[in-house]
Amino acid sequence: MAGSQGHTKIVSTTPRRTRVRLSTKRRTKKEMTRIAGALEKFPFVRGVQENVKTGSLLIRHSEGSLGKLEQVLIDLGIILQSATGAEFHMAEGKARIAAGMADAVSDLDRRIGLATNGIVNLRAIVPLGLGALAVVQLLRKGWQIEATPWYVLAYAAFDSFIKLHYSREYKPVHHS
């Protein structure tokens, strides 16, 4: 049960109605009202009913909009616990924590890509950042082969670039 309080969870859903149990930190009247108000601004949301006692929101929405609803909750900064597989220790061959971290990094990568119209994303920022650290280290400390040297950072920059750009899971952001 400890996991059920850590993140928000969709506890039940029908084609036009979804009940969400909020994480413990979001179960205040003020926060629930803020979330409900933000949700009601979307045209596919027909209404939101708050229950502070149970920490849940009953969201009425148009049929087929569950995916949109999940995305809006994520955009509001709400971390959704997977309703399926939440009790499993492994998800698609990854530890649950690793899968959650990978999802969070993937979401951050998507958001950066969308914010910059696809010009910059984490796949560019991480290697460039490590490369810049390598250059700074080289300029400050010189070649310094006996300590943690610049070339380790340079290797990490190159390695992360290759791994991030040529992985099978990479899906570039397309703009229409």
N, C-alpha and C. Protein backbone atom coordinates (compact mmCIF):
# COMPACT_ATOMS: atom_id res chain seq x y z
N MET A 1 0.81 -1.21 0.00
CA MET A 1 0.00 0.00 0.00
C MET A 1 0.84 1.26 0.00
N ALA A 2 2.09 1.18 0.42
CA ALA A 2 2.90 2.39 0.47
C ALA A 2 3.01 3.04 -0.88
N GLY A 3 3.08 2.25 -1.93
CA GLY A 3 3.18 2.81 -3.27
C GLY A 3 1.94 3.56 -3.68
N SER A 4 0.78 3.19 -3.12
CA SER A 4 -0.46 3.84 -3.53
C SER A 4 -0.55 5.27 -3.04
N GLN A 5 0.21 5.64 -2.00
CA GLN A 5 0.17 7.01 -1.52
C GLN A 5 1.26 7.87 -2.14
N GLY A 6 2.26 7.26 -2.77
CA GLY A 6 3.38 8.00 -3.32
C GLY A 6 3.05 8.77 -4.57
N HIS A 7 2.21 8.24 -5.42
CA HIS A 7 1.85 8.88 -6.67
C HIS A 7 0.34 8.83 -6.87
N THR A 8 -0.13 9.71 -7.74
CA THR A 8 -1.54 9.71 -8.09
C THR A 8 -1.83 8.47 -8.91
N LYS A 9 -3.02 7.91 -8.72
CA LYS A 9 -3.37 6.66 -9.39
C LYS A 9 -4.78 6.74 -9.95
N ILE A 10 -4.95 6.28 -11.16
CA ILE A 10 -6.29 6.13 -11.72
C ILE A 10 -6.85 4.85 -11.14
N VAL A 11 -7.89 4.98 -10.30
CA VAL A 11 -8.41 3.80 -9.61
C VAL A 11 -9.56 3.14 -10.35
N SER A 12 -10.28 3.92 -11.16
CA SER A 12 -11.33 3.30 -11.98
C SER A 12 -11.62 4.21 -13.16
N THR A 13 -12.06 3.58 -14.24
CA THR A 13 -12.37 4.37 -15.41
C THR A 13 -13.44 3.67 -16.24
N THR A 14 -14.30 4.45 -16.83
CA THR A 14 -15.29 4.00 -17.79
C THR A 14 -15.12 4.91 -19.00
N PRO A 15 -15.83 4.67 -20.09
CA PRO A 15 -15.63 5.53 -21.25
C PRO A 15 -15.85 7.02 -21.01
N ARG A 16 -16.67 7.38 -20.02
CA ARG A 16 -16.97 8.81 -19.80
C ARG A 16 -16.68 9.30 -18.38
N ARG A 17 -16.03 8.46 -17.57
CA ARG A 17 -15.82 8.84 -16.17
C ARG A 17 -14.55 8.18 -15.66
N THR A 18 -13.74 8.95 -14.94
CA THR A 18 -12.50 8.42 -14.38
C THR A 18 -12.36 8.92 -12.95
N ARG A 19 -12.02 8.00 -12.04
CA ARG A 19 -11.74 8.37 -10.65
C ARG A 19 -10.23 8.29 -10.44
N VAL A 20 -9.69 9.39 -9.91
CA VAL A 20 -8.26 9.50 -9.67
C VAL A 20 -8.05 9.68 -8.18
N ARG A 21 -7.19 8.85 -7.57
CA ARG A 21 -6.82 9.01 -6.17
C ARG A 21 -5.49 9.74 -6.15
N LEU A 22 -5.51 10.93 -5.57
CA LEU A 22 -4.33 11.78 -5.55
C LEU A 22 -3.31 11.30 -4.53
N SER A 23 -2.05 11.66 -4.78
CA SER A 23 -0.99 11.34 -3.84
C SER A 23 -1.25 12.08 -2.53
N THR A 24 -0.68 11.61 -1.46
CA THR A 24 -0.92 12.16 -0.13
C THR A 24 -0.65 13.66 -0.08
N LYS A 25 0.42 14.11 -0.71
CA LYS A 25 0.77 15.54 -0.64
C LYS A 25 -0.23 16.43 -1.38
N ARG A 26 -1.05 15.87 -2.25
CA ARG A 26 -2.03 16.66 -3.01
C ARG A 26 -3.44 16.59 -2.43
N ARG A 27 -3.60 15.93 -1.30
CA ARG A 27 -4.93 15.73 -0.72
C ARG A 27 -5.34 16.86 0.22
N THR A 28 -5.16 18.08 -0.24
CA THR A 28 -5.65 19.23 0.51
C THR A 28 -6.75 19.89 -0.30
N LYS A 29 -7.65 20.58 0.38
CA LYS A 29 -8.75 21.25 -0.30
C LYS A 29 -8.22 22.23 -1.34
N LYS A 30 -7.21 23.00 -0.98
CA LYS A 30 -6.64 24.01 -1.89
C LYS A 30 -6.06 23.36 -3.14
N GLU A 31 -5.26 22.32 -2.96
CA GLU A 31 -4.61 21.66 -4.10
C GLU A 31 -5.63 20.94 -4.98
N MET A 32 -6.60 20.29 -4.36
CA MET A 32 -7.61 19.57 -5.13
C MET A 32 -8.47 20.55 -5.93
N THR A 33 -8.78 21.69 -5.34
CA THR A 33 -9.55 22.72 -6.05
C THR A 33 -8.75 23.27 -7.22
N ARG A 34 -7.44 23.47 -7.02
CA ARG A 34 -6.57 23.95 -8.09
C ARG A 34 -6.55 22.97 -9.25
N ILE A 35 -6.38 21.70 -8.95
CA ILE A 35 -6.32 20.67 -9.99
C ILE A 35 -7.67 20.57 -10.71
N ALA A 36 -8.75 20.56 -9.94
CA ALA A 36 -10.09 20.46 -10.54
C ALA A 36 -10.34 21.66 -11.45
N GLY A 37 -9.97 22.84 -11.01
CA GLY A 37 -10.15 24.04 -11.83
C GLY A 37 -9.36 23.98 -13.12
N ALA A 38 -8.14 23.49 -13.03
CA ALA A 38 -7.29 23.38 -14.23
C ALA A 38 -7.88 22.35 -15.19
N LEU A 39 -8.39 21.24 -14.67
CA LEU A 39 -8.97 20.21 -15.52
C LEU A 39 -10.23 20.69 -16.23
N GLU A 40 -11.04 21.46 -15.52
CA GLU A 40 -12.31 21.93 -16.09
C GLU A 40 -12.13 22.90 -17.26
N LYS A 41 -10.94 23.41 -17.44
CA LYS A 41 -10.66 24.33 -18.56
C LYS A 41 -10.55 23.61 -19.90
N PHE A 42 -10.41 22.29 -19.86
CA PHE A 42 -10.25 21.53 -21.10
C PHE A 42 -11.61 21.14 -21.66
N PRO A 43 -11.79 21.29 -22.98
CA PRO A 43 -13.10 21.05 -23.57
C PRO A 43 -13.61 19.61 -23.44
N PHE A 44 -12.73 18.65 -23.31
CA PHE A 44 -13.18 17.26 -23.19
C PHE A 44 -13.60 16.90 -21.77
N VAL A 45 -13.31 17.78 -20.80
CA VAL A 45 -13.71 17.54 -19.41
C VAL A 45 -15.09 18.16 -19.18
N ARG A 46 -16.03 17.32 -18.75
CA ARG A 46 -17.42 17.75 -18.55
C ARG A 46 -17.67 18.23 -17.12
N GLY A 47 -16.82 17.82 -16.19
CA GLY A 47 -16.98 18.23 -14.80
C GLY A 47 -16.05 17.45 -13.89
N VAL A 48 -15.71 18.05 -12.75
CA VAL A 48 -14.83 17.39 -11.78
C VAL A 48 -15.46 17.52 -10.40
N GLN A 49 -15.54 16.40 -9.71
CA GLN A 49 -16.10 16.36 -8.36
C GLN A 49 -14.98 15.98 -7.40
N GLU A 50 -14.74 16.81 -6.39
CA GLU A 50 -13.66 16.59 -5.42
C GLU A 50 -14.20 15.87 -4.19
N ASN A 51 -13.38 14.99 -3.63
CA ASN A 51 -13.69 14.35 -2.36
C ASN A 51 -12.42 14.38 -1.51
N VAL A 52 -12.29 15.42 -0.70
CA VAL A 52 -11.08 15.62 0.11
C VAL A 52 -10.91 14.48 1.11
N LYS A 53 -12.00 13.96 1.61
CA LYS A 53 -11.95 12.88 2.61
C LYS A 53 -11.24 11.64 2.05
N THR A 54 -11.54 11.27 0.81
CA THR A 54 -10.90 10.09 0.20
C THR A 54 -9.69 10.47 -0.65
N GLY A 55 -9.52 11.78 -0.89
CA GLY A 55 -8.39 12.22 -1.71
C GLY A 55 -8.57 11.89 -3.18
N SER A 56 -9.81 11.87 -3.63
CA SER A 56 -10.04 11.49 -5.02
C SER A 56 -10.81 12.55 -5.78
N LEU A 57 -10.64 12.50 -7.09
CA LEU A 57 -11.37 13.36 -8.02
C LEU A 57 -12.16 12.45 -8.95
N LEU A 58 -13.42 12.77 -9.13
CA LEU A 58 -14.24 12.06 -10.11
C LEU A 58 -14.34 12.99 -11.31
N ILE A 59 -13.77 12.56 -12.41
CA ILE A 59 -13.69 13.40 -13.61
C ILE A 59 -14.62 12.84 -14.66
N ARG A 60 -15.57 13.66 -15.08
CA ARG A 60 -16.46 13.29 -16.19
C ARG A 60 -15.87 13.89 -17.45
N HIS A 61 -15.76 13.06 -18.49
CA HIS A 61 -15.09 13.51 -19.71
C HIS A 61 -15.75 12.88 -20.92
N SER A 62 -15.40 13.40 -22.09
CA SER A 62 -15.97 12.84 -23.32
C SER A 62 -15.38 11.46 -23.56
N GLU A 63 -16.13 10.65 -24.26
CA GLU A 63 -15.71 9.27 -24.54
C GLU A 63 -14.43 9.26 -25.37
N GLY A 64 -13.53 8.38 -25.00
CA GLY A 64 -12.28 8.22 -25.74
C GLY A 64 -11.21 9.25 -25.39
N SER A 65 -11.38 9.98 -24.28
CA SER A 65 -10.41 11.03 -23.96
C SER A 65 -9.52 10.69 -22.77
N LEU A 66 -9.47 9.42 -22.37
CA LEU A 66 -8.66 9.03 -21.22
C LEU A 66 -7.18 9.36 -21.46
N GLY A 67 -6.69 9.11 -22.65
CA GLY A 67 -5.29 9.42 -22.96
C GLY A 67 -5.00 10.90 -22.81
N LYS A 68 -5.93 11.74 -23.30
CA LYS A 68 -5.77 13.19 -23.15
C LYS A 68 -5.77 13.58 -21.67
N LEU A 69 -6.68 12.96 -20.91
CA LEU A 69 -6.77 13.25 -19.48
C LEU A 69 -5.47 12.89 -18.77
N GLU A 70 -4.92 11.72 -19.07
CA GLU A 70 -3.65 11.32 -18.46
C GLU A 70 -2.55 12.33 -18.80
N GLN A 71 -2.50 12.78 -20.05
CA GLN A 71 -1.48 13.73 -20.46
C GLN A 71 -1.66 15.08 -19.76
N VAL A 72 -2.90 15.52 -19.59
CA VAL A 72 -3.16 16.79 -18.89
C VAL A 72 -2.69 16.68 -17.44
N LEU A 73 -2.97 15.55 -16.78
CA LEU A 73 -2.52 15.36 -15.40
C LEU A 73 -1.01 15.41 -15.32
N ILE A 74 -0.34 14.78 -16.26
CA ILE A 74 1.13 14.81 -16.29
C ILE A 74 1.62 16.24 -16.52
N ASP A 75 0.98 16.95 -17.44
CA ASP A 75 1.35 18.35 -17.71
C ASP A 75 1.13 19.25 -16.50
N LEU A 76 0.19 18.89 -15.64
CA LEU A 76 -0.05 19.64 -14.41
C LEU A 76 0.98 19.29 -13.33
N GLY A 77 1.92 18.41 -13.65
CA GLY A 77 2.96 18.04 -12.70
C GLY A 77 2.60 16.88 -11.80
N ILE A 78 1.57 16.15 -12.16
CA ILE A 78 1.10 15.04 -11.35
C ILE A 78 1.72 13.75 -11.89
N ILE A 79 2.42 13.04 -11.02
CA ILE A 79 3.06 11.78 -11.41
C ILE A 79 2.03 10.67 -11.25
N LEU A 80 1.70 10.03 -12.36
CA LEU A 80 0.70 8.96 -12.33
C LEU A 80 1.37 7.62 -12.08
N GLN A 81 0.86 6.90 -11.11
CA GLN A 81 1.31 5.54 -10.88
C GLN A 81 0.59 4.65 -11.87
N SER A 82 1.30 3.73 -12.45
CA SER A 82 0.69 2.84 -13.42
C SER A 82 -0.40 2.01 -12.75
N ALA A 83 -1.58 2.02 -13.34
CA ALA A 83 -2.67 1.21 -12.80
C ALA A 83 -2.43 -0.26 -13.07
N THR A 84 -1.79 -0.56 -14.19
CA THR A 84 -1.45 -1.94 -14.50
C THR A 84 0.02 -2.13 -14.19
N GLY A 85 0.33 -3.17 -13.49
CA GLY A 85 1.72 -3.47 -13.18
C GLY A 85 2.27 -2.68 -12.01
N ALA A 86 1.41 -1.93 -11.29
CA ALA A 86 1.90 -1.11 -10.19
C ALA A 86 2.47 -1.97 -9.07
N GLU A 87 1.99 -3.18 -8.93
CA GLU A 87 2.46 -4.05 -7.86
C GLU A 87 3.63 -4.93 -8.30
N PHE A 88 3.96 -4.90 -9.60
CA PHE A 88 5.05 -5.72 -10.08
C PHE A 88 6.39 -5.06 -9.81
N HIS A 89 7.41 -5.87 -9.57
CA HIS A 89 8.74 -5.34 -9.34
C HIS A 89 9.47 -5.06 -10.65
N MET A 90 9.02 -5.67 -11.72
CA MET A 90 9.67 -5.47 -13.02
C MET A 90 8.63 -5.00 -14.02
N ALA A 91 9.03 -4.10 -14.89
CA ALA A 91 8.17 -3.61 -15.96
C ALA A 91 8.95 -3.68 -17.26
N GLU A 92 8.53 -4.53 -18.15
CA GLU A 92 9.19 -4.72 -19.44
C GLU A 92 10.69 -5.00 -19.27
N GLY A 93 11.03 -5.85 -18.30
CA GLY A 93 12.42 -6.23 -18.10
C GLY A 93 13.23 -5.22 -17.31
N LYS A 94 12.63 -4.14 -16.86
CA LYS A 94 13.34 -3.12 -16.09
C LYS A 94 12.79 -3.11 -14.67
N ALA A 95 13.65 -2.76 -13.72
CA ALA A 95 13.16 -2.57 -12.36
C ALA A 95 12.15 -1.44 -12.38
N ARG A 96 11.17 -1.50 -11.52
CA ARG A 96 10.10 -0.49 -11.49
C ARG A 96 10.66 0.92 -11.33
N ILE A 97 11.64 1.10 -10.46
CA ILE A 97 12.23 2.42 -10.27
C ILE A 97 12.95 2.86 -11.54
N ALA A 98 13.69 1.95 -12.15
CA ALA A 98 14.39 2.29 -13.39
C ALA A 98 13.40 2.64 -14.50
N ALA A 99 12.31 1.89 -14.59
CA ALA A 99 11.30 2.18 -15.61
C ALA A 99 10.67 3.54 -15.35
N GLY A 100 10.42 3.86 -14.09
CA GLY A 100 9.86 5.17 -13.74
C GLY A 100 10.81 6.30 -14.07
N MET A 101 12.09 6.09 -13.79
CA MET A 101 13.10 7.10 -14.12
C MET A 101 13.20 7.27 -15.62
N ALA A 102 13.19 6.16 -16.34
CA ALA A 102 13.27 6.24 -17.80
C ALA A 102 12.06 6.98 -18.37
N ASP A 103 10.88 6.73 -17.81
CA ASP A 103 9.68 7.45 -18.25
C ASP A 103 9.79 8.94 -17.96
N ALA A 104 10.31 9.28 -16.77
CA ALA A 104 10.45 10.69 -16.41
C ALA A 104 11.44 11.41 -17.32
N VAL A 105 12.58 10.75 -17.61
CA VAL A 105 13.57 11.35 -18.50
C VAL A 105 13.00 11.47 -19.91
N SER A 106 12.28 10.46 -20.35
CA SER A 106 11.66 10.50 -21.67
C SER A 106 10.65 11.64 -21.76
N ASP A 107 9.87 11.84 -20.70
CA ASP A 107 8.90 12.93 -20.68
C ASP A 107 9.62 14.28 -20.70
N LEU A 108 10.69 14.42 -19.92
CA LEU A 108 11.47 15.66 -19.92
C LEU A 108 12.05 15.92 -21.30
N ASP A 109 12.57 14.88 -21.94
CA ASP A 109 13.11 15.00 -23.30
C ASP A 109 12.04 15.48 -24.27
N ARG A 110 10.85 14.91 -24.15
CA ARG A 110 9.73 15.31 -25.02
C ARG A 110 9.36 16.76 -24.80
N ARG A 111 9.29 17.18 -23.54
CA ARG A 111 8.91 18.55 -23.21
C ARG A 111 9.95 19.56 -23.72
N ILE A 112 11.21 19.24 -23.56
CA ILE A 112 12.27 20.13 -24.06
C ILE A 112 12.19 20.23 -25.57
N GLY A 113 11.98 19.10 -26.22
CA GLY A 113 11.86 19.09 -27.68
C GLY A 113 10.68 19.92 -28.15
N LEU A 114 9.55 19.79 -27.47
CA LEU A 114 8.37 20.57 -27.85
C LEU A 114 8.56 22.05 -27.58
N ALA A 115 9.21 22.38 -26.45
CA ALA A 115 9.42 23.79 -26.10
C ALA A 115 10.37 24.49 -27.06
N THR A 116 11.26 23.73 -27.67
CA THR A 116 12.23 24.33 -28.59
C THR A 116 11.93 24.00 -30.04
N ASN A 117 10.70 23.57 -30.32
CA ASN A 117 10.30 23.18 -31.68
C ASN A 117 11.23 22.14 -32.30
N GLY A 118 11.70 21.23 -31.48
CA GLY A 118 12.53 20.14 -31.98
C GLY A 118 13.98 20.50 -32.22
N ILE A 119 14.39 21.71 -31.89
CA ILE A 119 15.77 22.13 -32.13
C ILE A 119 16.72 21.50 -31.11
N VAL A 120 16.29 21.43 -29.85
CA VAL A 120 17.13 20.91 -28.77
C VAL A 120 16.34 19.87 -28.00
N ASN A 121 17.04 18.84 -27.54
CA ASN A 121 16.45 17.86 -26.64
C ASN A 121 17.54 17.31 -25.74
N LEU A 122 17.18 16.41 -24.84
CA LEU A 122 18.19 15.85 -23.91
C LEU A 122 19.29 15.10 -24.64
N ARG A 123 18.96 14.53 -25.78
CA ARG A 123 19.95 13.79 -26.54
C ARG A 123 21.05 14.70 -27.07
N ALA A 124 20.79 15.99 -27.12
CA ALA A 124 21.82 16.96 -27.50
C ALA A 124 22.42 17.61 -26.26
N ILE A 125 21.58 17.93 -25.27
CA ILE A 125 22.04 18.65 -24.08
C ILE A 125 23.05 17.83 -23.26
N VAL A 126 22.77 16.55 -23.04
CA VAL A 126 23.65 15.74 -22.18
C VAL A 126 25.06 15.61 -22.77
N PRO A 127 25.21 15.18 -24.03
CA PRO A 127 26.57 15.08 -24.57
C PRO A 127 27.27 16.44 -24.67
N LEU A 128 26.53 17.47 -25.06
CA LEU A 128 27.15 18.80 -25.15
C LEU A 128 27.57 19.30 -23.77
N GLY A 129 26.76 19.05 -22.77
CA GLY A 129 27.11 19.44 -21.40
C GLY A 129 28.35 18.72 -20.91
N LEU A 130 28.40 17.41 -21.13
CA LEU A 130 29.59 16.65 -20.71
C LEU A 130 30.82 17.07 -21.52
N GLY A 131 30.62 17.34 -22.79
CA GLY A 131 31.73 17.82 -23.62
C GLY A 131 32.24 19.17 -23.13
N ALA A 132 31.33 20.06 -22.77
CA ALA A 132 31.73 21.37 -22.25
C ALA A 132 32.49 21.22 -20.93
N LEU A 133 32.03 20.30 -20.06
CA LEU A 133 32.76 20.03 -18.82
C LEU A 133 34.16 19.51 -19.11
N ALA A 134 34.29 18.68 -20.12
CA ALA A 134 35.61 18.15 -20.49
C ALA A 134 36.54 19.28 -20.92
N VAL A 135 36.03 20.21 -21.72
CA VAL A 135 36.85 21.35 -22.17
C VAL A 135 37.23 22.23 -20.99
N VAL A 136 36.27 22.52 -20.09
CA VAL A 136 36.57 23.34 -18.91
C VAL A 136 37.62 22.66 -18.06
N GLN A 137 37.48 21.36 -17.85
CA GLN A 137 38.45 20.62 -17.04
C GLN A 137 39.84 20.66 -17.69
N LEU A 138 39.89 20.50 -18.98
CA LEU A 138 41.16 20.56 -19.71
C LEU A 138 41.79 21.94 -19.56
N LEU A 139 41.01 23.01 -19.71
CA LEU A 139 41.54 24.37 -19.61
C LEU A 139 41.99 24.70 -18.19
N ARG A 140 41.27 24.23 -17.20
CA ARG A 140 41.61 24.53 -15.80
C ARG A 140 42.78 23.71 -15.28
N LYS A 141 42.77 22.43 -15.59
CA LYS A 141 43.74 21.51 -14.97
C LYS A 141 44.82 21.02 -15.93
N GLY A 142 44.68 21.33 -17.19
CA GLY A 142 45.64 20.81 -18.15
C GLY A 142 45.34 19.35 -18.46
N TRP A 143 46.34 18.66 -18.97
CA TRP A 143 46.14 17.26 -19.38
C TRP A 143 45.88 16.36 -18.18
N GLN A 144 46.53 16.57 -17.07
CA GLN A 144 46.35 15.89 -15.80
C GLN A 144 45.87 14.44 -15.93
N ILE A 145 46.71 13.64 -16.46
CA ILE A 145 46.36 12.25 -16.73
C ILE A 145 46.24 11.44 -15.44
N GLU A 146 46.87 11.85 -14.34
CA GLU A 146 46.85 11.08 -13.10
C GLU A 146 45.56 11.25 -12.27
N ALA A 147 44.76 12.26 -12.51
CA ALA A 147 43.50 12.48 -11.77
C ALA A 147 42.32 12.10 -12.66
N THR A 148 41.10 12.37 -12.21
CA THR A 148 39.94 12.14 -13.07
C THR A 148 40.00 13.19 -14.16
N PRO A 149 40.51 12.80 -15.29
CA PRO A 149 40.86 13.79 -16.29
C PRO A 149 39.72 14.16 -17.24
N TRP A 150 40.00 15.11 -18.06
CA TRP A 150 39.06 15.63 -19.04
C TRP A 150 38.65 14.56 -20.03
N TYR A 151 39.56 13.65 -20.36
CA TYR A 151 39.22 12.69 -21.40
C TYR A 151 38.17 11.68 -20.96
N VAL A 152 38.01 11.50 -19.64
CA VAL A 152 36.92 10.65 -19.16
C VAL A 152 35.58 11.32 -19.47
N LEU A 153 35.52 12.63 -19.21
CA LEU A 153 34.30 13.38 -19.55
C LEU A 153 34.09 13.42 -21.06
N ALA A 154 35.16 13.56 -21.82
CA ALA A 154 35.02 13.56 -23.28
C ALA A 154 34.49 12.21 -23.76
N TYR A 155 35.01 11.13 -23.18
CA TYR A 155 34.51 9.81 -23.55
C TYR A 155 33.03 9.68 -23.19
N ALA A 156 32.66 10.16 -21.99
CA ALA A 156 31.26 10.08 -21.56
C ALA A 156 30.36 10.88 -22.51
N ALA A 157 30.85 12.03 -22.98
CA ALA A 157 30.08 12.83 -23.93
C ALA A 157 29.86 12.06 -25.23
N PHE A 158 30.92 11.48 -25.75
CA PHE A 158 30.82 10.72 -27.00
C PHE A 158 29.93 9.48 -26.81
N ASP A 159 30.16 8.76 -25.72
CA ASP A 159 29.41 7.54 -25.46
C ASP A 159 27.91 7.84 -25.29
N SER A 160 27.58 8.89 -24.54
CA SER A 160 26.17 9.22 -24.35
C SER A 160 25.53 9.67 -25.66
N PHE A 161 26.29 10.38 -26.49
CA PHE A 161 25.75 10.80 -27.78
C PHE A 161 25.39 9.58 -28.61
N ILE A 162 26.30 8.62 -28.70
CA ILE A 162 26.05 7.41 -29.49
C ILE A 162 24.86 6.63 -28.92
N LYS A 163 24.84 6.44 -27.62
CA LYS A 163 23.77 5.65 -27.01
C LYS A 163 22.42 6.34 -27.10
N LEU A 164 22.39 7.65 -26.97
CA LEU A 164 21.12 8.36 -27.01
C LEU A 164 20.59 8.52 -28.43
N HIS A 165 21.45 8.59 -29.40
CA HIS A 165 20.99 8.80 -30.77
C HIS A 165 20.75 7.51 -31.54
N TYR A 166 21.33 6.44 -31.10
CA TYR A 166 21.20 5.21 -31.85
C TYR A 166 20.55 4.10 -31.05
N SER A 167 19.74 4.47 -30.04
CA SER A 167 19.02 3.44 -29.29
C SER A 167 17.74 3.10 -30.02
N ARG A 168 17.23 1.90 -29.79
CA ARG A 168 16.00 1.45 -30.46
C ARG A 168 14.77 2.17 -29.93
N GLU A 169 14.82 2.64 -28.68
CA GLU A 169 13.66 3.26 -28.06
C GLU A 169 13.48 4.72 -28.47
N TYR A 170 14.44 5.31 -29.16
CA TYR A 170 14.37 6.72 -29.50
C TYR A 170 13.26 6.98 -30.51
N LYS A 171 12.37 7.91 -30.15
CA LYS A 171 11.30 8.32 -31.04
C LYS A 171 11.36 9.82 -31.16
N PRO A 172 11.80 10.37 -32.29
CA PRO A 172 11.92 11.82 -32.41
C PRO A 172 10.57 12.51 -32.34
N VAL A 173 10.59 13.77 -31.91
CA VAL A 173 9.38 14.57 -31.84
C VAL A 173 9.06 15.10 -33.23
N HIS A 174 7.85 14.85 -33.72
CA HIS A 174 7.43 15.36 -35.02
C HIS A 174 6.44 16.50 -34.79
N HIS A 175 6.61 17.55 -35.54
CA HIS A 175 5.71 18.70 -35.43
C HIS A 175 4.83 18.76 -36.67
N SER A 176 3.57 19.07 -36.44
CA SER A 176 2.68 19.17 -37.59
C SER A 176 2.26 20.60 -37.82
